């Protein structure tokens, strides 16, 4: 599903459908109570199996948005000027297939490149989207407008029967993890599951969530959990490997996971025979904003190779183990 930061509605609709229906299209039982806030965060609440009034409160988040582009101008030659949304890898965008998401549907396009044959002519790369239109009027005729958005077209491959390569695993694997973790769960704490917006442009959805729960619902959270990508594998985390289990993202550019919670998870994983890795990486995560209000946090991940590219890669066993670990944790904590 396409869903650049600020335009996550298609992703949210899909998640709601996956929560409400099982694999046979039948209505699910024991659904979390769902709501959508003013900026588009999807929120699901599951009360503790114990006395909710005396139980801890935990919020679990994964972001729905992906990196991409907004259209800023329709050119007279039929090309689309665009502006980056999130951490685009500039070196990786030339020669890419893209989708232009309009009010009327999806229009296929490409971001071109300069052939080696023409570089001696001084031709330089332009970061524009080509949908095959020859004029501004043709763009209007196919329904393209300024502030429509563009995402990389999603192709996927299963590699060596165990790796999934796909654009926007960041953080759709996290969205899927939350979907699977909240189904028929019997938690020890009161849980809030949230599929957040605008993470890639400054954790804005998580900040709005914190503001809402602190101001209007007076919820004092005991723990905030982010399920988000772990960029590997480089000098700072070369011991992390795909296929060796989910990762506790102990430290990144925005936060430090609570040591006592990390120890709790490690003991739980050891007891249940779930492989877990512990590492540091760059970037930020939604749970970090809660720390400023005195809420401990932890970030859970799977290692992802080639993060923010069109070929993000994870190991499917790591994802299944993450879902198992998160469910066990929420039923125990």
C-alpha atoms as a PDB file:
ATOM      1  CA  UNK A   1       0.000   0.000   0.000  1.00  0.00           C
ATOM      2  CA  UNK A   2       1.311   3.515  -0.770  1.00  0.00           C
ATOM      3  CA  UNK A   3       1.492   5.908   2.159  1.00  0.00           C
ATOM      4  CA  UNK A   4       4.010   8.714   2.303  1.00  0.00           C
ATOM      5  CA  UNK A   5       4.267  10.783   5.508  1.00  0.00           C
ATOM      6  CA  UNK A   6       1.059  12.749   5.968  1.00  0.00           C
ATOM      7  CA  UNK A   7      -0.901  10.558   3.525  1.00  0.00           C
ATOM      8  CA  UNK A   8      -1.167   7.250   5.360  1.00  0.00           C
ATOM      9  CA  UNK A   9      -4.902   6.726   4.816  1.00  0.00           C
ATOM     10  CA  UNK A  10      -4.592   3.768   2.418  1.00  0.00           C
ATOM     11  CA  UNK A  11      -2.272   1.966   4.827  1.00  0.00           C
ATOM     12  CA  UNK A  12      -4.596   2.685   7.745  1.00  0.00           C
ATOM     13  CA  UNK A  13      -7.615   1.342   5.852  1.00  0.00           C
ATOM     14  CA  UNK A  14      -5.725  -1.860   5.060  1.00  0.00           C
ATOM     15  CA  UNK A  15      -4.662  -2.324   8.678  1.00  0.00           C
ATOM     16  CA  UNK A  16      -8.247  -1.855   9.883  1.00  0.00           C
ATOM     17  CA  UNK A  17      -9.400  -4.470   7.379  1.00  0.00           C
ATOM     18  CA  UNK A  18      -6.674  -6.903   8.520  1.00  0.00           C
ATOM     19  CA  UNK A  19      -7.677  -6.366  12.146  1.00  0.00           C
ATOM     20  CA  UNK A  20     -11.381  -6.835  11.505  1.00  0.00           C
ATOM     21  CA  UNK A  21     -11.214  -9.821   9.134  1.00  0.00           C
ATOM     22  CA  UNK A  22      -9.413 -13.145   9.357  1.00  0.00           C
ATOM     23  CA  UNK A  23      -7.694 -14.897   6.453  1.00  0.00           C
ATOM     24  CA  UNK A  24     -11.075 -16.166   5.253  1.00  0.00           C
ATOM     25  CA  UNK A  25     -12.700 -12.728   5.253  1.00  0.00           C
ATOM     26  CA  UNK A  26     -14.721 -13.521   8.380  1.00  0.00           C
ATOM     27  CA  UNK A  27     -15.218 -11.077  11.249  1.00  0.00           C
ATOM     28  CA  UNK A  28     -12.530 -11.417  13.922  1.00  0.00           C
ATOM     29  CA  UNK A  29     -13.441 -11.997  17.539  1.00  0.00           C
ATOM     30  CA  UNK A  30     -12.017 -10.100  20.524  1.00  0.00           C
ATOM     31  CA  UNK A  31     -11.098  -7.024  18.480  1.00  0.00           C
ATOM     32  CA  UNK A  32      -9.307  -4.115  20.151  1.00  0.00           C
ATOM     33  CA  UNK A  33     -11.437  -0.983  20.446  1.00  0.00           C
ATOM     34  CA  UNK A  34     -10.328   1.072  17.430  1.00  0.00           C
ATOM     35  CA  UNK A  35     -10.316   4.841  16.872  1.00  0.00           C
ATOM     36  CA  UNK A  36      -8.521   7.344  14.647  1.00  0.00           C
ATOM     37  CA  UNK A  37      -7.285  10.677  15.973  1.00  0.00           C
ATOM     38  CA  UNK A  38      -7.350  14.015  14.137  1.00  0.00           C
ATOM     39  CA  UNK A  39      -4.001  13.580  12.358  1.00  0.00           C
ATOM     40  CA  UNK A  40      -4.577   9.952  11.398  1.00  0.00           C
ATOM     41  CA  UNK A  41      -3.007   7.791  14.090  1.00  0.00           C
ATOM     42  CA  UNK A  42      -4.893   4.499  14.376  1.00  0.00           C
ATOM     43  CA  UNK A  43      -5.391   3.509  18.019  1.00  0.00           C
ATOM     44  CA  UNK A  44      -6.483   0.170  19.450  1.00  0.00           C
ATOM     45  CA  UNK A  45      -7.038  -0.446  23.152  1.00  0.00           C
ATOM     46  CA  UNK A  46      -6.909  -3.799  24.937  1.00  0.00           C
ATOM     47  CA  UNK A  47      -7.581  -3.844  28.705  1.00  0.00           C
ATOM     48  CA  UNK A  48      -5.588  -5.919  31.147  1.00  0.00           C
ATOM     49  CA  UNK A  49      -6.861  -9.402  31.963  1.00  0.00           C
ATOM     50  CA  UNK A  50      -6.474  -8.324  35.590  1.00  0.00           C
ATOM     51  CA  UNK A  51      -8.056  -5.307  37.262  1.00  0.00           C
ATOM     52  CA  UNK A  52      -7.568  -2.527  34.674  1.00  0.00           C
ATOM     53  CA  UNK A  53      -7.702   0.146  37.358  1.00  0.00           C
ATOM     54  CA  UNK A  54      -4.637  -1.203  39.145  1.00  0.00           C
ATOM     55  CA  UNK A  55      -2.693  -2.502  36.111  1.00  0.00           C
ATOM     56  CA  UNK A  56       0.232  -0.890  34.327  1.00  0.00           C
ATOM     57  CA  UNK A  57      -0.302   1.022  31.083  1.00  0.00           C
ATOM     58  CA  UNK A  58       1.814   0.220  28.021  1.00  0.00           C
ATOM     59  CA  UNK A  59       1.745   1.801  24.561  1.00  0.00           C
ATOM     60  CA  UNK A  60       3.107  -0.053  21.512  1.00  0.00           C
ATOM     61  CA  UNK A  61       3.732   1.840  18.265  1.00  0.00           C
ATOM     62  CA  UNK A  62       4.691   1.186  14.658  1.00  0.00           C
ATOM     63  CA  UNK A  63       4.620   3.845  11.958  1.00  0.00           C
ATOM     64  CA  UNK A  64       2.531   3.583   8.810  1.00  0.00           C
ATOM     65  CA  UNK A  65       4.356   6.152   6.684  1.00  0.00           C
ATOM     66  CA  UNK A  66       7.127   5.574   4.193  1.00  0.00           C
ATOM     67  CA  UNK A  67       9.670   7.796   2.509  1.00  0.00           C
ATOM     68  CA  UNK A  68       8.752   9.281  -0.857  1.00  0.00           C
ATOM     69  CA  UNK A  69       8.003  12.583  -2.541  1.00  0.00           C
ATOM     70  CA  UNK A  70       5.367  15.290  -2.831  1.00  0.00           C
ATOM     71  CA  UNK A  71       4.682  16.874  -6.217  1.00  0.00           C
ATOM     72  CA  UNK A  72       5.525  20.569  -6.083  1.00  0.00           C
ATOM     73  CA  UNK A  73       5.038  21.607  -9.706  1.00  0.00           C
ATOM     74  CA  UNK A  74       3.615  20.407 -13.030  1.00  0.00           C
ATOM     75  CA  UNK A  75       6.075  21.418 -15.726  1.00  0.00           C
ATOM     76  CA  UNK A  76       5.176  22.575 -19.214  1.00  0.00           C
ATOM     77  CA  UNK A  77       7.173  19.666 -20.676  1.00  0.00           C
ATOM     78  CA  UNK A  78       4.996  17.127 -18.816  1.00  0.00           C
ATOM     79  CA  UNK A  79       7.484  16.285 -16.069  1.00  0.00           C
ATOM     80  CA  UNK A  80       6.727  16.476 -12.340  1.00  0.00           C
ATOM     81  CA  UNK A  81       8.920  18.422  -9.930  1.00  0.00           C
ATOM     82  CA  UNK A  82       9.057  16.676  -6.560  1.00  0.00           C
ATOM     83  CA  UNK A  83      10.285  17.276  -3.024  1.00  0.00           C
ATOM     84  CA  UNK A  84      11.744  14.579  -0.765  1.00  0.00           C
ATOM     85  CA  UNK A  85       9.766  13.291   2.200  1.00  0.00           C
ATOM     86  CA  UNK A  86      12.007  11.580   4.768  1.00  0.00           C
ATOM     87  CA  UNK A  87      15.497  10.168   4.384  1.00  0.00           C
ATOM     88  CA  UNK A  88      15.759   9.535   0.648  1.00  0.00           C
ATOM     89  CA  UNK A  89      18.998   7.931  -0.567  1.00  0.00           C
ATOM     90  CA  UNK A  90      19.824  10.262  -3.439  1.00  0.00           C
ATOM     91  CA  UNK A  91      22.334   7.850  -4.973  1.00  0.00           C
ATOM     92  CA  UNK A  92      19.684   5.152  -5.284  1.00  0.00           C
ATOM     93  CA  UNK A  93      16.788   6.949  -6.949  1.00  0.00           C
ATOM     94  CA  UNK A  94      17.981   7.191 -10.547  1.00  0.00           C
ATOM     95  CA  UNK A  95      16.347   4.676 -12.839  1.00  0.00           C
ATOM     96  CA  UNK A  96      13.467   3.913 -10.437  1.00  0.00           C
ATOM     97  CA  UNK A  97       9.877   2.886 -11.082  1.00  0.00           C
ATOM     98  CA  UNK A  98       7.429   5.003  -9.072  1.00  0.00           C
ATOM     99  CA  UNK A  99       3.715   5.386  -8.451  1.00  0.00           C
ATOM    100  CA  UNK A 100       1.982   8.772  -8.476  1.00  0.00           C
ATOM    101  CA  UNK A 101      -0.963   8.593  -6.084  1.00  0.00           C
ATOM    102  CA  UNK A 102      -3.697  10.973  -7.236  1.00  0.00           C
ATOM    103  CA  UNK A 103      -7.265  11.632  -6.205  1.00  0.00           C
ATOM    104  CA  UNK A 104      -8.383   9.440  -9.101  1.00  0.00           C
ATOM    105  CA  UNK A 105      -6.049   6.509  -8.544  1.00  0.00           C
ATOM    106  CA  UNK A 106      -2.459   5.520  -9.219  1.00  0.00           C
ATOM    107  CA  UNK A 107      -0.464   6.675 -12.251  1.00  0.00           C
ATOM    108  CA  UNK A 108       2.717   4.772 -13.090  1.00  0.00           C
ATOM    109  CA  UNK A 109       5.901   6.734 -13.630  1.00  0.00           C
ATOM    110  CA  UNK A 110       9.674   6.627 -13.549  1.00  0.00           C
ATOM    111  CA  UNK A 111      12.556   8.691 -12.269  1.00  0.00           C
ATOM    112  CA  UNK A 112      14.982   8.554 -15.159  1.00  0.00           C
ATOM    113  CA  UNK A 113      18.731   8.684 -15.442  1.00  0.00           C
ATOM    114  CA  UNK A 114      21.388   9.944 -17.843  1.00  0.00           C
ATOM    115  CA  UNK A 115      22.736   7.299 -20.225  1.00  0.00           C
ATOM    116  CA  UNK A 116      26.537   7.023 -20.344  1.00  0.00           C
ATOM    117  CA  UNK A 117      26.265   7.699 -24.079  1.00  0.00           C
ATOM    118  CA  UNK A 118      25.110  11.274 -23.421  1.00  0.00           C
ATOM    119  CA  UNK A 119      27.294  12.333 -20.497  1.00  0.00           C
ATOM    120  CA  UNK A 120      29.910  13.715 -22.879  1.00  0.00           C
ATOM    121  CA  UNK A 121      27.205  16.112 -24.123  1.00  0.00           C
ATOM    122  CA  UNK A 122      26.962  17.617 -20.641  1.00  0.00           C
ATOM    123  CA  UNK A 123      23.512  16.179 -19.926  1.00  0.00           C
ATOM    124  CA  UNK A 124      22.852  16.148 -16.166  1.00  0.00           C
ATOM    125  CA  UNK A 125      20.372  14.207 -14.060  1.00  0.00           C
ATOM    126  CA  UNK A 126      17.123  15.918 -13.117  1.00  0.00           C
ATOM    127  CA  UNK A 127      15.141  14.577 -10.190  1.00  0.00           C
ATOM    128  CA  UNK A 128      11.753  14.688 -11.897  1.00  0.00           C
ATOM    129  CA  UNK A 129       9.014  12.125 -12.415  1.00  0.00           C
ATOM    130  CA  UNK A 130       8.117  11.116 -15.958  1.00  0.00           C
ATOM    131  CA  UNK A 131       4.621   9.627 -16.419  1.00  0.00           C
ATOM    132  CA  UNK A 132       4.763   9.754 -20.208  1.00  0.00           C
ATOM    133  CA  UNK A 133       3.000  13.106 -20.481  1.00  0.00           C
ATOM    134  CA  UNK A 134       4.194  15.579 -23.113  1.00  0.00           C
ATOM    135  CA  UNK A 135       2.657  18.702 -21.612  1.00  0.00           C
ATOM    136  CA  UNK A 136       1.220  20.186 -18.451  1.00  0.00           C
ATOM    137  CA  UNK A 137      -2.258  19.734 -19.886  1.00  0.00           C
ATOM    138  CA  UNK A 138      -1.691  15.995 -20.340  1.00  0.00           C
ATOM    139  CA  UNK A 139      -0.743  15.780 -16.661  1.00  0.00           C
ATOM    140  CA  UNK A 140      -3.964  17.538 -15.735  1.00  0.00           C
ATOM    141  CA  UNK A 141      -5.915  15.247 -18.053  1.00  0.00           C
ATOM    142  CA  UNK A 142      -4.642  12.111 -16.257  1.00  0.00           C
ATOM    143  CA  UNK A 143      -5.563  13.640 -12.909  1.00  0.00           C
ATOM    144  CA  UNK A 144      -2.155  14.647 -11.517  1.00  0.00           C
ATOM    145  CA  UNK A 145      -2.123  17.677  -9.199  1.00  0.00           C
ATOM    146  CA  UNK A 146       0.337  19.583  -7.064  1.00  0.00           C
ATOM    147  CA  UNK A 147       0.608  17.929  -3.613  1.00  0.00           C
ATOM    148  CA  UNK A 148      -0.261  14.499  -4.940  1.00  0.00           C
ATOM    149  CA  UNK A 149       2.433  12.143  -3.724  1.00  0.00           C
ATOM    150  CA  UNK A 150       4.917   9.704  -5.184  1.00  0.00           C
ATOM    151  CA  UNK A 151       6.318   6.450  -3.783  1.00  0.00           C
ATOM    152  CA  UNK A 152       8.714   3.902  -5.183  1.00  0.00           C
ATOM    153  CA  UNK A 153       6.875   1.063  -6.905  1.00  0.00           C
ATOM    154  CA  UNK A 154       6.923  -2.019  -4.690  1.00  0.00           C
ATOM    155  CA  UNK A 155       8.472  -5.101  -6.208  1.00  0.00           C
ATOM    156  CA  UNK A 156       9.321  -8.002  -3.901  1.00  0.00           C
ATOM    157  CA  UNK A 157      11.503 -11.083  -3.980  1.00  0.00           C
ATOM    158  CA  UNK A 158      11.935 -14.092  -1.713  1.00  0.00           C
ATOM    159  CA  UNK A 159      15.671 -14.793  -1.631  1.00  0.00           C
ATOM    160  CA  UNK A 160      17.068 -18.216  -0.782  1.00  0.00           C
ATOM    161  CA  UNK A 161      13.670 -19.209   0.689  1.00  0.00           C
ATOM    162  CA  UNK A 162      14.166 -17.138   3.839  1.00  0.00           C
ATOM    163  CA  UNK A 163      14.765 -13.454   3.015  1.00  0.00           C
ATOM    164  CA  UNK A 164      12.164 -10.932   1.929  1.00  0.00           C
ATOM    165  CA  UNK A 165      13.348  -7.943  -0.122  1.00  0.00           C
ATOM    166  CA  UNK A 166      10.824  -5.152  -0.565  1.00  0.00           C
ATOM    167  CA  UNK A 167      10.485  -1.373  -0.475  1.00  0.00           C
ATOM    168  CA  UNK A 168       8.816   0.016   2.702  1.00  0.00           C
ATOM    169  CA  UNK A 169       9.541  -2.862   5.051  1.00  0.00           C
ATOM    170  CA  UNK A 170      10.320   0.173   7.201  1.00  0.00           C
ATOM    171  CA  UNK A 171       7.927   0.092   8.940  1.00  0.00           C
ATOM    172  CA  UNK A 172       5.263  -2.096   7.411  1.00  0.00           C
ATOM    173  CA  UNK A 173       6.825  -5.121   9.109  1.00  0.00           C
ATOM    174  CA  UNK A 174       6.194  -3.247  12.363  1.00  0.00           C
ATOM    175  CA  UNK A 175       2.576  -2.577  11.394  1.00  0.00           C
ATOM    176  CA  UNK A 176       2.125  -6.283  10.675  1.00  0.00           C
ATOM    177  CA  UNK A 177       3.787  -7.187  13.975  1.00  0.00           C
ATOM    178  CA  UNK A 178       1.264  -5.076  15.885  1.00  0.00           C
ATOM    179  CA  UNK A 179      -1.642  -6.584  13.927  1.00  0.00           C
ATOM    180  CA  UNK A 180      -0.555 -10.111  14.811  1.00  0.00           C
ATOM    181  CA  UNK A 181       0.324  -9.212  18.399  1.00  0.00           C
ATOM    182  CA  UNK A 182      -3.017  -7.709  19.357  1.00  0.00           C
ATOM    183  CA  UNK A 183      -5.215 -10.525  18.033  1.00  0.00           C
ATOM    184  CA  UNK A 184      -6.782 -12.488  20.925  1.00  0.00           C
ATOM    185  CA  UNK A 185      -4.084 -11.311  23.314  1.00  0.00           C
ATOM    186  CA  UNK A 186      -4.579 -11.575  27.080  1.00  0.00           C
ATOM    187  CA  UNK A 187      -2.240  -8.874  28.409  1.00  0.00           C
ATOM    188  CA  UNK A 188      -0.976  -8.347  31.919  1.00  0.00           C
ATOM    189  CA  UNK A 189      -1.108  -4.555  31.415  1.00  0.00           C
ATOM    190  CA  UNK A 190      -3.578  -2.195  29.795  1.00  0.00           C
ATOM    191  CA  UNK A 191      -2.394  -1.897  26.216  1.00  0.00           C
ATOM    192  CA  UNK A 192      -2.620   0.843  23.632  1.00  0.00           C
ATOM    193  CA  UNK A 193      -1.580  -0.240  20.139  1.00  0.00           C
ATOM    194  CA  UNK A 194      -0.976   2.620  17.760  1.00  0.00           C
ATOM    195  CA  UNK A 195      -0.139   2.700  14.092  1.00  0.00           C
ATOM    196  CA  UNK A 196       1.349   6.166  13.806  1.00  0.00           C
ATOM    197  CA  UNK A 197       1.698   8.808  11.114  1.00  0.00           C
ATOM    198  CA  UNK A 198       4.573  11.071  10.080  1.00  0.00           C
ATOM    199  CA  UNK A 199       7.402   9.209  11.823  1.00  0.00           C
ATOM    200  CA  UNK A 200       9.771   9.753   8.905  1.00  0.00           C
ATOM    201  CA  UNK A 201       9.492  13.540   9.181  1.00  0.00           C
ATOM    202  CA  UNK A 202      10.087  13.972  12.914  1.00  0.00           C
ATOM    203  CA  UNK A 203       8.061  11.467  14.994  1.00  0.00           C
ATOM    204  CA  UNK A 204       5.073  13.796  14.749  1.00  0.00           C
ATOM    205  CA  UNK A 205       2.360  11.195  15.121  1.00  0.00           C
ATOM    206  CA  UNK A 206       3.908   9.867  18.327  1.00  0.00           C
ATOM    207  CA  UNK A 207       4.196  13.400  19.724  1.00  0.00           C
ATOM    208  CA  UNK A 208       0.508  13.972  19.033  1.00  0.00           C
ATOM    209  CA  UNK A 209      -0.352  10.679  20.737  1.00  0.00           C
ATOM    210  CA  UNK A 210       1.593  11.597  23.838  1.00  0.00           C
ATOM    211  CA  UNK A 211      -0.066  14.985  23.954  1.00  0.00           C
ATOM    212  CA  UNK A 212      -3.537  13.456  23.615  1.00  0.00           C
ATOM    213  CA  UNK A 213      -3.147  10.795  26.293  1.00  0.00           C
ATOM    214  CA  UNK A 214      -1.406  13.158  28.728  1.00  0.00           C
ATOM    215  CA  UNK A 215      -3.907  16.001  28.258  1.00  0.00           C
ATOM    216  CA  UNK A 216      -7.284  14.396  27.622  1.00  0.00           C
ATOM    217  CA  UNK A 217      -7.200  10.845  28.936  1.00  0.00           C
ATOM    218  CA  UNK A 218      -4.777  11.414  31.829  1.00  0.00           C
ATOM    219  CA  UNK A 219      -3.053   8.108  31.118  1.00  0.00           C
ATOM    220  CA  UNK A 220       0.243   7.695  32.934  1.00  0.00           C
ATOM    221  CA  UNK A 221       2.143   5.201  30.796  1.00  0.00           C
ATOM    222  CA  UNK A 222       4.581   2.838  32.467  1.00  0.00           C
ATOM    223  CA  UNK A 223       6.319   1.850  29.232  1.00  0.00           C
ATOM    224  CA  UNK A 224       6.451   2.930  25.600  1.00  0.00           C
ATOM    225  CA  UNK A 225       7.488   0.410  22.934  1.00  0.00           C
ATOM    226  CA  UNK A 226       8.454   1.202  19.366  1.00  0.00           C
ATOM    227  CA  UNK A 227       8.545  -1.585  16.806  1.00  0.00           C
ATOM    228  CA  UNK A 228      10.708  -0.170  14.060  1.00  0.00           C
ATOM    229  CA  UNK A 229      13.595  -1.035  11.768  1.00  0.00           C
ATOM    230  CA  UNK A 230      17.152  -1.766  12.845  1.00  0.00           C
ATOM    231  CA  UNK A 231      19.614  -0.614  10.188  1.00  0.00           C
ATOM    232  CA  UNK A 232      22.402  -3.125   9.831  1.00  0.00           C
ATOM    233  CA  UNK A 233      25.040  -4.258   9.140  1.00  0.00           C
ATOM    234  CA  UNK A 234      27.991  -1.894   9.547  1.00  0.00           C
ATOM    235  CA  UNK A 235      30.915  -1.084  11.838  1.00  0.00           C
ATOM    236  CA  UNK A 236      28.764  -0.063  14.797  1.00  0.00           C
ATOM    237  CA  UNK A 237      26.662  -3.249  14.662  1.00  0.00           C
ATOM    238  CA  UNK A 238      28.532  -5.762  12.533  1.00  0.00           C
ATOM    239  CA  UNK A 239      27.751  -8.490  15.096  1.00  0.00           C
ATOM    240  CA  UNK A 240      24.058  -8.184  14.175  1.00  0.00           C
ATOM    241  CA  UNK A 241      23.021 -10.614  11.459  1.00  0.00           C
ATOM    242  CA  UNK A 242      19.846 -11.358   9.546  1.00  0.00           C
ATOM    243  CA  UNK A 243      18.486 -14.712  10.668  1.00  0.00           C
ATOM    244  CA  UNK A 244      19.844 -14.611  14.208  1.00  0.00           C
ATOM    245  CA  UNK A 245      16.681 -13.232  15.752  1.00  0.00           C
ATOM    246  CA  UNK A 246      14.887  -9.952  16.468  1.00  0.00           C
ATOM    247  CA  UNK A 247      16.925  -7.058  17.852  1.00  0.00           C
ATOM    248  CA  UNK A 248      16.525  -4.987  20.970  1.00  0.00           C
ATOM    249  CA  UNK A 249      17.457  -1.529  19.695  1.00  0.00           C
ATOM    250  CA  UNK A 250      19.306  -0.575  22.848  1.00  0.00           C
ATOM    251  CA  UNK A 251      20.583   2.805  21.699  1.00  0.00           C
ATOM    252  CA  UNK A 252      20.029   5.061  18.695  1.00  0.00           C
ATOM    253  CA  UNK A 253      20.171   8.774  17.878  1.00  0.00           C
ATOM    254  CA  UNK A 254      16.973   9.515  19.798  1.00  0.00           C
ATOM    255  CA  UNK A 255      16.817   7.192  22.789  1.00  0.00           C
ATOM    256  CA  UNK A 256      18.281   4.634  25.182  1.00  0.00           C
ATOM    257  CA  UNK A 257      16.151   1.601  25.955  1.00  0.00           C
ATOM    258  CA  UNK A 258      15.398   1.106  29.665  1.00  0.00           C
ATOM    259  CA  UNK A 259      18.017  -1.355  31.045  1.00  0.00           C
ATOM    260  CA  UNK A 260      15.614  -3.157  33.381  1.00  0.00           C
ATOM    261  CA  UNK A 261      13.141  -3.744  30.535  1.00  0.00           C
ATOM    262  CA  UNK A 262      15.958  -4.967  28.289  1.00  0.00           C
ATOM    263  CA  UNK A 263      16.989  -7.467  30.972  1.00  0.00           C
ATOM    264  CA  UNK A 264      13.369  -8.601  31.370  1.00  0.00           C
ATOM    265  CA  UNK A 265      13.091  -9.244  27.623  1.00  0.00           C
ATOM    266  CA  UNK A 266      16.422 -11.069  27.456  1.00  0.00           C
ATOM    267  CA  UNK A 267      15.421 -13.395  30.305  1.00  0.00           C
ATOM    268  CA  UNK A 268      12.019 -14.016  28.742  1.00  0.00           C
ATOM    269  CA  UNK A 269      13.608 -14.812  25.376  1.00  0.00           C
ATOM    270  CA  UNK A 270      16.116 -17.189  26.974  1.00  0.00           C
ATOM    271  CA  UNK A 271      13.371 -18.990  28.885  1.00  0.00           C
ATOM    272  CA  UNK A 272      11.244 -19.398  25.751  1.00  0.00           C
ATOM    273  CA  UNK A 273      14.111 -20.294  23.434  1.00  0.00           C
ATOM    274  CA  UNK A 274      13.706 -17.226  21.201  1.00  0.00           C
ATOM    275  CA  UNK A 275      16.961 -15.950  19.672  1.00  0.00           C
ATOM    276  CA  UNK A 276      17.492 -12.244  20.397  1.00  0.00           C
ATOM    277  CA  UNK A 277      20.217  -9.792  19.434  1.00  0.00           C
ATOM    278  CA  UNK A 278      21.213  -6.579  21.178  1.00  0.00           C
ATOM    279  CA  UNK A 279      22.699  -3.639  19.314  1.00  0.00           C
ATOM    280  CA  UNK A 280      22.909   0.057  18.516  1.00  0.00           C
ATOM    281  CA  UNK A 281      22.087   1.902  15.337  1.00  0.00           C
ATOM    282  CA  UNK A 282      21.325   5.364  13.989  1.00  0.00           C
ATOM    283  CA  UNK A 283      17.995   7.040  13.386  1.00  0.00           C
ATOM    284  CA  UNK A 284      15.144   7.610  15.834  1.00  0.00           C
ATOM    285  CA  UNK A 285      11.939   5.933  16.971  1.00  0.00           C
ATOM    286  CA  UNK A 286       8.447   6.880  18.132  1.00  0.00           C
ATOM    287  CA  UNK A 287       8.903   5.706  21.735  1.00  0.00           C
ATOM    288  CA  UNK A 288      11.714   8.198  22.309  1.00  0.00           C
ATOM    289  CA  UNK A 289       9.288  11.128  22.630  1.00  0.00           C
ATOM    290  CA  UNK A 290       7.744   9.540  25.730  1.00  0.00           C
ATOM    291  CA  UNK A 291      11.054   9.606  27.608  1.00  0.00           C
ATOM    292  CA  UNK A 292      10.876  13.394  27.915  1.00  0.00           C
ATOM    293  CA  UNK A 293       7.724  12.888  29.994  1.00  0.00           C
ATOM    294  CA  UNK A 294       9.309  10.340  32.292  1.00  0.00           C
ATOM    295  CA  UNK A 295       8.108   7.200  30.521  1.00  0.00           C
ATOM    296  CA  UNK A 296      10.690   4.406  30.079  1.00  0.00           C
ATOM    297  CA  UNK A 297      10.962   3.046  26.554  1.00  0.00           C
ATOM    298  CA  UNK A 298      12.298   0.130  24.590  1.00  0.00           C
ATOM    299  CA  UNK A 299      12.656  -0.307  20.838  1.00  0.00           C
ATOM    300  CA  UNK A 300      12.174  -3.747  19.285  1.00  0.00           C
ATOM    301  CA  UNK A 301      13.223  -4.525  15.742  1.00  0.00           C
ATOM    302  CA  UNK A 302      14.345  -6.953  13.161  1.00  0.00           C
ATOM    303  CA  UNK A 303      17.633  -6.289  11.414  1.00  0.00           C
ATOM    304  CA  UNK A 304      17.100  -4.806   7.968  1.00  0.00           C
ATOM    305  CA  UNK A 305      19.738  -4.665   5.283  1.00  0.00           C
ATOM    306  CA  UNK A 306      19.734  -1.788   2.778  1.00  0.00           C
ATOM    307  CA  UNK A 307      17.376   0.351   4.888  1.00  0.00           C
ATOM    308  CA  UNK A 308      15.595   3.229   3.075  1.00  0.00           C
ATOM    309  CA  UNK A 309      16.345   1.724  -0.307  1.00  0.00           C
ATOM    310  CA  UNK A 310      14.034   0.024  -2.795  1.00  0.00           C
ATOM    311  CA  UNK A 311      15.432  -3.373  -1.737  1.00  0.00           C
ATOM    312  CA  UNK A 312      15.087  -3.395   2.053  1.00  0.00           C
ATOM    313  CA  UNK A 313      15.674  -6.937   3.246  1.00  0.00           C
ATOM    314  CA  UNK A 314      14.726  -8.935   6.324  1.00  0.00           C
ATOM    315  CA  UNK A 315      14.761 -12.564   7.384  1.00  0.00           C
ATOM    316  CA  UNK A 316      11.242 -13.976   7.699  1.00  0.00           C
ATOM    317  CA  UNK A 317      12.201 -16.095  10.737  1.00  0.00           C
ATOM    318  CA  UNK A 318      13.316 -12.935  12.549  1.00  0.00           C
ATOM    319  CA  UNK A 319       9.888 -11.388  11.943  1.00  0.00           C
ATOM    320  CA  UNK A 320       8.005 -14.447  13.200  1.00  0.00           C
ATOM    321  CA  UNK A 321      10.207 -14.573  16.295  1.00  0.00           C
ATOM    322  CA  UNK A 322       9.624 -10.869  16.923  1.00  0.00           C
ATOM    323  CA  UNK A 323       5.852 -11.388  16.886  1.00  0.00           C
ATOM    324  CA  UNK A 324       6.195 -14.307  19.276  1.00  0.00           C
ATOM    325  CA  UNK A 325       8.497 -12.342  21.600  1.00  0.00           C
ATOM    326  CA  UNK A 326       6.302  -9.235  21.673  1.00  0.00           C
ATOM    327  CA  UNK A 327       3.153 -11.225  22.449  1.00  0.00           C
ATOM    328  CA  UNK A 328       4.889 -13.092  25.280  1.00  0.00           C
ATOM    329  CA  UNK A 329       6.270  -9.851  26.676  1.00  0.00           C
ATOM    330  CA  UNK A 330       2.888  -8.110  26.656  1.00  0.00           C
ATOM    331  CA  UNK A 331       1.281 -11.097  28.353  1.00  0.00           C
ATOM    332  CA  UNK A 332       3.980 -11.045  31.066  1.00  0.00           C
ATOM    333  CA  UNK A 333       4.940  -7.417  31.745  1.00  0.00           C
END
